[in-house]
Amino acid sequence: MSSPILHAQWFDGRTSRAHPARLRLLPGKGGPHLQLQALDGERESLELTHRQVDWPERWSAKRPPPRVVVDLGAHGSLQVDDVPGWQAAVAAAGGRATLAERMQTRWSVLLAVLLLAVVGIGAFYRWGTPWAAGQITRHVPLAWEQQLAERALAQLDEGTTKPSKLPPARQAALRAAFDRLAAHVQASSDPALHRYPGYRPPLTLQFRAGMSPNAFALPGGTIVMTDAMVTQAGTIPGTGTTALLGVLAHEIGHVQLRHTTRLVVEQGVLSVGLGLALGDVSSLVSNGATLLTGLAYSRQHETEADCYAVALMRGTGLLTAPMADLLLGMEDAMLGWMHGAPASAPQSSADTPAPEGGADWFSTHPDTVGRAGRLKAGTPLGC
């Protein structure tokens, strides 16, 4: 089919006067080519490739423009009054509307693209982000994790925590029991205790006061237990040191499974992924990415740490029931703090918040009773 000839006004950029011209659109590599001939003889014929022309965007058939203006770059511009003729010439020369143009002119295309984008972002969040974070975490140096832990602990010591007031003998006894757990981890070849082959961070236990009953793991091997946690274990029947070792086994799981590092990487991966998908990410989207990863993935990590604790406790011949009883007792105490600490509550726990960045046993476990029951039976959910 021969290409139709269109009449146009050619503004060559040299004078303000328009030159009458005729043009044809010809099929070419990458899209239509434009062939232009001035009718007044003042300009030579011109042929421009598809890339040399700034093609006007498509428009809805229901709202056509009064005329078409075509930017020719260094060669000026064209004004075509035959709008339907221009559309027909573009189609005859093999011109195809881009996806962006179809989205602007057809609601069905716009809605389909938006639906695909939502599904794609959801799939990336649900499966892509954890997978990518897992692969990246394998290559994070232990030295980086340890530096991060040192800075985090220094910040806590500056504003939240205080030196431990536990008797030195009690600290020494707990550290000795903790060291036996750590030695079992280091010597074990059980895959359940070593997700990352060759990853053997030195495990150390520290005590701090000034916070509510809690324990949290920092990347690189540092685990912190509060004085209030030790005190709380002494007030709940059937708990004591074995329960505290269950808590520490849970925190060792966070370290060995590199959950804090993964959380940092996951937030970064999700933010970068959203940036690539949506362009300039606003502060709202960035904060949303942090919130989503901080909630959903922390729940998964806590479940994995429970499974790790059960495997480690079994490997060292320790029971998990005291750990479950401690969890239930702490749940009751936490409800008491939320509604006003009772007179018998430990002095340091009434007005102190959980540490920022630490793994709080309660914030990611709405089903504490169910979780404790599964721990007591040695069958945490998801193991």
Protein backbone atom coordinates (compact mmCIF):
# COMPACT_ATOMS: atom_id res chain seq x y z
CA MET A 1 0.00 0.00 0.00
CA SER A 2 1.48 3.38 -1.04
CA SER A 3 1.99 5.97 1.65
CA PRO A 4 -0.50 8.89 1.49
CA ILE A 5 0.82 12.36 0.76
CA LEU A 6 0.03 15.03 3.33
CA HIS A 7 0.23 18.79 3.10
CA ALA A 8 1.93 20.73 5.85
CA GLN A 9 3.43 24.05 6.84
CA TRP A 10 7.19 23.84 7.36
CA PHE A 11 8.80 26.28 9.79
CA ASP A 12 12.50 25.82 9.08
CA GLY A 13 13.77 27.92 12.01
CA ARG A 14 15.59 30.34 9.72
CA THR A 15 12.68 32.71 9.09
CA SER A 16 9.30 33.20 10.73
CA ARG A 17 7.53 32.47 7.45
CA ALA A 18 6.01 29.03 6.89
CA HIS A 19 6.95 27.08 3.77
CA PRO A 20 4.15 25.06 2.18
CA ALA A 21 5.32 21.46 1.89
CA ARG A 22 4.16 17.95 1.33
CA LEU A 23 5.31 14.98 3.27
CA ARG A 24 5.18 11.24 3.23
CA LEU A 25 5.79 8.73 5.98
CA LEU A 26 7.72 5.66 4.82
CA PRO A 27 8.35 2.36 6.63
CA GLY A 28 11.85 2.19 8.03
CA LYS A 29 14.09 0.68 10.64
CA GLY A 30 12.88 1.47 14.14
CA GLY A 31 9.70 3.12 12.88
CA PRO A 32 8.40 5.47 10.17
CA HIS A 33 10.78 7.76 8.30
CA LEU A 34 9.69 11.24 7.26
CA GLN A 35 10.19 12.51 3.70
CA LEU A 36 9.60 16.24 3.24
CA GLN A 37 9.53 18.45 0.12
CA ALA A 38 9.07 22.24 0.12
CA LEU A 39 6.60 23.40 -2.54
CA ASP A 40 7.95 26.94 -2.91
CA GLY A 41 11.38 25.75 -4.06
CA GLU A 42 13.18 27.63 -1.29
CA ARG A 43 14.26 24.49 0.60
CA GLU A 44 15.72 21.22 -0.57
CA SER A 45 13.93 17.95 -0.03
CA LEU A 46 14.60 16.34 3.33
CA GLU A 47 14.39 12.78 4.63
CA LEU A 48 14.72 12.06 8.33
CA THR A 49 15.00 8.73 10.09
CA HIS A 50 12.68 7.76 12.91
CA ARG A 51 15.23 8.76 15.56
CA GLN A 52 15.72 12.23 14.06
CA VAL A 53 12.09 13.18 14.58
CA ASP A 54 10.41 13.98 17.89
CA TRP A 55 7.14 12.22 17.11
CA PRO A 56 4.02 13.63 18.75
CA GLU A 57 2.29 11.37 21.24
CA ARG A 58 -0.90 9.58 20.27
CA TRP A 59 -4.23 10.89 21.39
CA SER A 60 -7.68 9.52 22.06
CA ALA A 61 -9.86 9.22 18.98
CA LYS A 62 -12.59 11.00 20.92
CA ARG A 63 -10.38 14.02 21.65
CA PRO A 64 -8.18 14.71 18.62
CA PRO A 65 -6.07 17.90 18.62
CA PRO A 66 -6.92 20.69 16.15
CA ARG A 67 -3.59 20.16 14.40
CA VAL A 68 -0.42 18.07 14.64
CA VAL A 69 2.93 19.71 15.40
CA VAL A 70 6.03 17.66 14.58
CA ASP A 71 9.43 18.68 15.97
CA LEU A 72 12.20 18.17 13.39
CA GLY A 73 15.02 19.21 15.69
CA ALA A 74 17.64 21.26 13.83
CA HIS A 75 15.35 21.34 10.79
CA GLY A 76 12.52 23.24 12.48
CA SER A 77 9.00 21.93 12.82
CA LEU A 78 5.93 20.92 10.83
CA GLN A 79 2.29 21.81 11.28
CA VAL A 80 -0.22 19.36 9.81
CA ASP A 81 -3.89 20.33 9.74
CA ASP A 82 -5.13 16.97 8.43
CA VAL A 83 -5.18 15.15 11.77
CA PRO A 84 -6.97 11.96 10.59
CA GLY A 85 -4.67 11.85 7.57
CA TRP A 86 -1.60 12.03 9.82
CA GLN A 87 -2.87 9.15 11.93
CA ALA A 88 -3.55 7.06 8.84
CA ALA A 89 -0.09 7.82 7.42
CA VAL A 90 1.63 6.82 10.66
CA ALA A 91 -0.29 3.54 10.75
CA ALA A 92 0.45 2.81 7.08
CA ALA A 93 4.18 3.38 7.68
CA GLY A 94 4.25 0.84 10.48
CA GLY A 95 4.05 3.22 13.42
CA ARG A 96 2.97 1.56 16.64
CA ALA A 97 1.75 3.29 19.75
CA THR A 98 4.04 2.87 22.75
CA LEU A 99 2.75 1.39 25.98
CA ALA A 100 2.79 4.84 27.58
CA GLU A 101 0.66 6.20 24.74
CA ARG A 102 -1.81 3.33 24.99
CA MET A 103 -2.07 3.92 28.74
CA GLN A 104 -2.93 7.57 28.08
CA THR A 105 -5.56 6.82 25.48
CA ARG A 106 -7.21 3.61 26.73
CA TRP A 107 -8.51 3.06 30.24
CA SER A 108 -8.43 -0.70 29.87
CA VAL A 109 -4.68 -0.65 29.13
CA LEU A 110 -4.02 1.72 32.02
CA LEU A 111 -5.93 -0.45 34.49
CA ALA A 112 -4.24 -3.63 33.22
CA VAL A 113 -0.78 -2.10 33.62
CA LEU A 114 -1.61 -0.86 37.12
CA LEU A 115 -2.87 -4.32 38.08
CA LEU A 116 0.29 -5.97 36.75
CA ALA A 117 2.41 -3.42 38.61
CA VAL A 118 0.63 -4.12 41.90
CA VAL A 119 0.96 -7.89 41.40
CA GLY A 120 4.62 -7.51 40.44
CA ILE A 121 5.46 -5.35 43.45
CA GLY A 122 3.58 -7.74 45.73
CA ALA A 123 5.45 -10.73 44.31
CA PHE A 124 8.76 -8.90 44.63
CA TYR A 125 7.98 -8.09 48.27
CA ARG A 126 6.76 -11.58 49.11
CA TRP A 127 9.35 -13.70 47.29
CA GLY A 128 11.91 -11.55 45.51
CA THR A 129 13.04 -9.46 48.47
CA PRO A 130 13.73 -12.39 50.85
CA TRP A 131 15.49 -14.34 48.11
CA ALA A 132 17.69 -11.41 47.08
CA ALA A 133 18.42 -10.54 50.71
CA GLY A 134 19.40 -14.13 51.43
CA GLN A 135 21.85 -14.16 48.54
CA ILE A 136 23.37 -10.81 49.46
CA THR A 137 23.63 -11.68 53.16
CA ARG A 138 25.90 -14.62 52.31
CA HIS A 139 28.52 -12.14 51.13
CA VAL A 140 28.30 -9.62 53.99
CA PRO A 141 31.62 -9.68 55.89
CA LEU A 142 31.56 -10.65 59.55
CA ALA A 143 33.72 -7.63 60.32
CA TRP A 144 30.98 -5.33 59.00
CA GLU A 145 28.40 -7.00 61.25
CA GLN A 146 30.66 -6.63 64.28
CA GLN A 147 31.25 -2.94 63.56
CA LEU A 148 27.51 -2.42 63.23
CA ALA A 149 26.95 -4.21 66.56
CA GLU A 150 29.58 -2.09 68.30
CA ARG A 151 27.96 1.14 67.12
CA ALA A 152 24.47 -0.05 68.06
CA LEU A 153 25.53 -1.12 71.54
CA ALA A 154 27.42 2.14 72.06
CA GLN A 155 24.29 4.11 71.17
CA LEU A 156 22.22 2.03 73.59
CA ASP A 157 24.76 2.57 76.36
CA GLU A 158 24.70 6.32 75.76
CA GLY A 159 20.95 6.73 76.07
CA THR A 160 19.04 3.62 77.18
CA THR A 161 21.02 0.96 79.01
CA LYS A 162 23.02 1.08 82.20
CA PRO A 163 25.78 -1.16 83.59
CA SER A 164 24.49 -4.44 84.94
CA LYS A 165 23.86 -4.72 88.68
CA LEU A 166 23.65 -8.51 88.72
CA PRO A 167 25.98 -10.13 91.24
CA PRO A 168 29.27 -11.10 89.54
CA ALA A 169 28.78 -14.73 90.57
CA ARG A 170 25.37 -14.84 88.85
CA GLN A 171 26.81 -13.28 85.70
CA ALA A 172 29.69 -15.76 85.69
CA ALA A 173 27.34 -18.74 86.11
CA LEU A 174 25.11 -17.61 83.24
CA ARG A 175 28.10 -16.89 81.00
CA ALA A 176 29.51 -20.34 81.69
CA ALA A 177 26.19 -21.96 80.74
CA PHE A 178 25.98 -19.71 77.68
CA ASP A 179 29.52 -20.66 76.66
CA ARG A 180 28.51 -24.33 76.71
CA LEU A 181 25.69 -23.54 74.29
CA ALA A 182 28.07 -21.54 72.09
CA ALA A 183 30.66 -24.33 72.12
CA HIS A 184 28.03 -26.84 71.03
CA VAL A 185 27.06 -24.56 68.12
CA GLN A 186 30.67 -24.07 67.04
CA ALA A 187 31.44 -27.80 67.18
CA SER A 188 28.19 -29.01 65.61
CA SER A 189 27.88 -29.97 61.96
CA ASP A 190 24.07 -30.09 62.15
CA PRO A 191 22.68 -28.14 59.15
CA ALA A 192 19.82 -26.95 61.35
CA LEU A 193 22.35 -24.93 63.35
CA HIS A 194 24.36 -23.62 60.38
CA ARG A 195 22.34 -22.07 57.57
CA TYR A 196 25.43 -20.28 56.27
CA PRO A 197 28.31 -22.76 55.83
CA GLY A 198 31.55 -21.43 57.23
CA TYR A 199 29.84 -18.69 59.23
CA ARG A 200 31.23 -19.00 62.77
CA PRO A 201 30.90 -15.68 64.61
CA PRO A 202 32.31 -15.57 68.15
CA LEU A 203 29.29 -15.68 70.49
CA THR A 204 29.49 -13.39 73.53
CA LEU A 205 26.99 -12.59 76.28
CA GLN A 206 26.65 -9.18 77.91
CA PHE A 207 24.33 -7.92 80.64
CA ARG A 208 22.68 -4.52 80.90
CA ALA A 209 20.34 -2.79 83.34
CA GLY A 210 17.84 0.01 82.81
CA MET A 211 15.47 -1.90 80.52
CA SER A 212 12.45 -4.14 80.81
CA PRO A 213 12.89 -7.95 80.79
CA ASN A 214 14.31 -8.68 77.38
CA ALA A 215 17.15 -10.20 75.43
CA PHE A 216 18.28 -9.23 71.97
CA ALA A 217 20.88 -10.26 69.44
CA LEU A 218 23.19 -7.93 67.59
CA PRO A 219 24.80 -9.00 64.32
CA GLY A 220 28.19 -10.63 64.52
CA GLY A 221 27.68 -12.62 67.73
CA THR A 222 26.87 -10.19 70.55
CA ILE A 223 23.85 -11.08 72.69
CA VAL A 224 22.52 -8.81 75.42
CA MET A 225 20.32 -9.94 78.31
CA THR A 226 18.80 -7.46 80.75
CA ASP A 227 18.98 -7.71 84.51
CA ALA A 228 15.20 -7.53 84.57
CA MET A 229 15.00 -10.69 82.45
CA VAL A 230 17.18 -12.59 84.90
CA THR A 231 15.13 -11.26 87.81
CA GLN A 232 11.87 -12.15 86.06
CA ALA A 233 13.01 -15.74 85.54
CA GLY A 234 13.61 -16.01 89.28
CA THR A 235 10.02 -15.02 90.09
CA ILE A 236 8.20 -17.50 87.81
CA PRO A 237 7.91 -21.06 89.10
CA GLY A 238 9.55 -23.70 86.94
CA THR A 239 11.79 -21.35 84.97
CA GLY A 240 15.18 -20.23 86.33
CA THR A 241 18.46 -20.77 84.53
CA THR A 242 17.13 -23.35 82.06
CA ALA A 243 14.51 -20.90 80.85
CA LEU A 244 17.14 -18.20 80.41
CA LEU A 245 19.25 -20.60 78.39
CA GLY A 246 16.23 -21.19 76.15
CA VAL A 247 16.01 -17.43 75.61
CA LEU A 248 19.73 -17.29 74.85
CA ALA A 249 19.40 -20.23 72.43
CA HIS A 250 16.67 -18.24 70.66
CA GLU A 251 18.98 -15.23 70.39
CA ILE A 252 21.87 -17.41 69.17
CA GLY A 253 19.46 -18.46 66.44
CA HIS A 254 19.04 -14.81 65.42
CA VAL A 255 22.82 -14.49 65.20
CA GLN A 256 23.50 -17.71 63.32
CA LEU A 257 20.60 -17.12 60.93
CA ARG A 258 21.88 -13.54 60.44
CA HIS A 259 18.43 -12.06 60.94
CA THR A 260 19.52 -8.53 61.78
CA THR A 261 21.77 -8.40 58.75
CA ARG A 262 19.02 -9.83 56.59
CA LEU A 263 16.58 -7.23 57.91
CA VAL A 264 18.93 -4.41 56.98
CA VAL A 265 19.52 -5.93 53.54
CA GLU A 266 15.80 -6.63 53.00
CA GLN A 267 14.91 -3.01 53.68
CA GLY A 268 17.58 -1.87 51.27
CA VAL A 269 16.54 -4.33 48.56
CA LEU A 270 12.88 -3.39 48.90
CA SER A 271 13.63 0.34 48.75
CA VAL A 272 15.83 -0.10 45.67
CA GLY A 273 13.22 -2.34 44.02
CA LEU A 274 10.45 0.18 44.63
CA GLY A 275 12.70 2.92 43.32
CA LEU A 276 13.30 1.04 40.08
CA ALA A 277 9.59 0.26 39.69
CA LEU A 278 8.14 3.64 40.68
CA GLY A 279 10.92 6.10 39.88
CA ASP A 280 11.54 8.71 42.55
CA VAL A 281 10.50 7.08 45.83
CA SER A 282 8.82 9.52 48.17
CA SER A 283 9.50 9.49 51.90
CA LEU A 284 6.08 7.88 52.41
CA VAL A 285 6.97 4.92 50.19
CA SER A 286 10.38 4.61 51.83
CA ASN A 287 8.85 4.59 55.29
CA GLY A 288 6.28 2.06 54.10
CA ALA A 289 9.04 -0.23 52.87
CA THR A 290 10.74 -0.10 56.26
CA LEU A 291 7.46 -0.76 58.07
CA LEU A 292 6.50 -3.73 55.91
CA THR A 293 9.87 -5.41 56.27
CA GLY A 294 10.10 -4.64 59.96
CA LEU A 295 6.78 -6.35 60.70
CA ALA A 296 6.29 -9.27 58.34
CA TYR A 297 9.86 -10.48 58.11
CA SER A 298 10.46 -10.11 61.85
CA ARG A 299 7.62 -12.54 62.49
CA GLN A 300 9.22 -15.04 60.15
CA HIS A 301 12.59 -14.52 61.79
CA GLU A 302 11.17 -15.04 65.29
CA THR A 303 9.61 -18.32 64.19
CA GLU A 304 12.91 -19.46 62.70
CA ALA A 305 14.72 -18.49 65.92
CA ASP A 306 12.23 -20.58 67.94
CA CYS A 307 12.98 -23.59 65.74
CA TYR A 308 16.69 -22.97 66.17
CA ALA A 309 16.32 -22.77 69.95
CA VAL A 310 14.47 -26.09 70.09
CA ALA A 311 17.15 -27.79 67.98
CA LEU A 312 19.95 -26.33 70.11
CA MET A 313 18.28 -27.18 73.42
CA ARG A 314 17.66 -30.75 72.30
CA GLY A 315 21.27 -31.06 71.16
CA THR A 316 22.50 -30.05 74.60
CA GLY A 317 19.95 -32.13 76.53
CA LEU A 318 17.97 -29.16 77.88
CA LEU A 319 14.18 -28.86 78.17
CA THR A 320 12.17 -26.20 76.35
CA ALA A 321 9.23 -26.21 78.79
CA PRO A 322 10.87 -23.69 81.21
CA MET A 323 11.41 -21.32 78.29
CA ALA A 324 7.71 -21.56 77.47
CA ASP A 325 6.71 -20.91 81.08
CA LEU A 326 8.97 -17.86 81.16
CA LEU A 327 7.37 -16.55 77.97
CA LEU A 328 3.87 -16.90 79.47
CA GLY A 329 4.96 -15.26 82.70
CA MET A 330 6.51 -12.38 80.82
CA GLU A 331 3.34 -11.99 78.80
CA ASP A 332 1.37 -11.53 81.99
CA ALA A 333 3.98 -9.07 83.27
CA MET A 334 3.90 -7.14 80.00
CA LEU A 335 0.14 -6.73 80.29
CA GLY A 336 0.72 -5.43 83.79
CA TRP A 337 3.24 -2.84 82.57
CA MET A 338 0.86 -1.73 79.83
CA HIS A 339 -1.85 -1.04 82.41
CA GLY A 340 0.43 0.23 85.18
CA ALA A 341 3.19 -1.76 86.86
CA PRO A 342 2.21 -3.57 90.06
CA ALA A 343 3.98 -2.77 93.27
CA SER A 344 5.93 -6.03 93.11
CA ALA A 345 7.27 -5.37 89.63
CA PRO A 346 11.04 -4.93 89.30
CA GLN A 347 12.06 -1.29 89.77
CA SER A 348 13.83 -1.08 86.40
CA SER A 349 11.02 -2.48 84.29
CA ALA A 350 8.17 -0.09 84.91
CA ASP A 351 9.17 2.84 82.76
CA THR A 352 11.79 1.55 80.36
CA PRO A 353 11.02 0.81 76.69
CA ALA A 354 12.26 -2.08 74.61
CA PRO A 355 15.50 -1.27 72.79
CA GLU A 356 15.34 0.14 69.31
CA GLY A 357 16.60 -2.37 66.80
CA GLY A 358 16.46 -5.22 69.31
CA ALA A 359 14.35 -8.32 68.95
CA ASP A 360 11.52 -7.91 71.47
CA TRP A 361 9.83 -11.18 72.33
CA PHE A 362 6.36 -9.62 72.22
CA SER A 363 6.19 -7.12 69.40
CA THR A 364 6.10 -9.71 66.63
CA HIS A 365 4.11 -12.48 68.35
CA PRO A 366 0.40 -11.75 68.74
CA ASP A 367 -0.26 -15.43 69.60
CA THR A 368 1.97 -15.69 72.65
CA VAL A 369 -0.07 -18.43 74.29
CA GLY A 370 -0.01 -20.61 71.18
CA ARG A 371 3.69 -19.97 70.69
CA ALA A 372 4.45 -20.95 74.30
CA GLY A 373 2.42 -24.14 73.96
CA ARG A 374 4.34 -25.17 70.86
CA LEU A 375 7.66 -24.39 72.55
CA LYS A 376 6.68 -26.49 75.56
CA ALA A 377 5.85 -29.39 73.25
CA GLY A 378 9.07 -28.83 71.31
CA THR A 379 7.19 -28.30 68.04
CA PRO A 380 7.32 -24.58 67.09
CA LEU A 381 5.20 -23.58 64.11
CA GLY A 382 7.05 -23.79 60.81
CA CYS A 383 9.95 -26.01 61.87
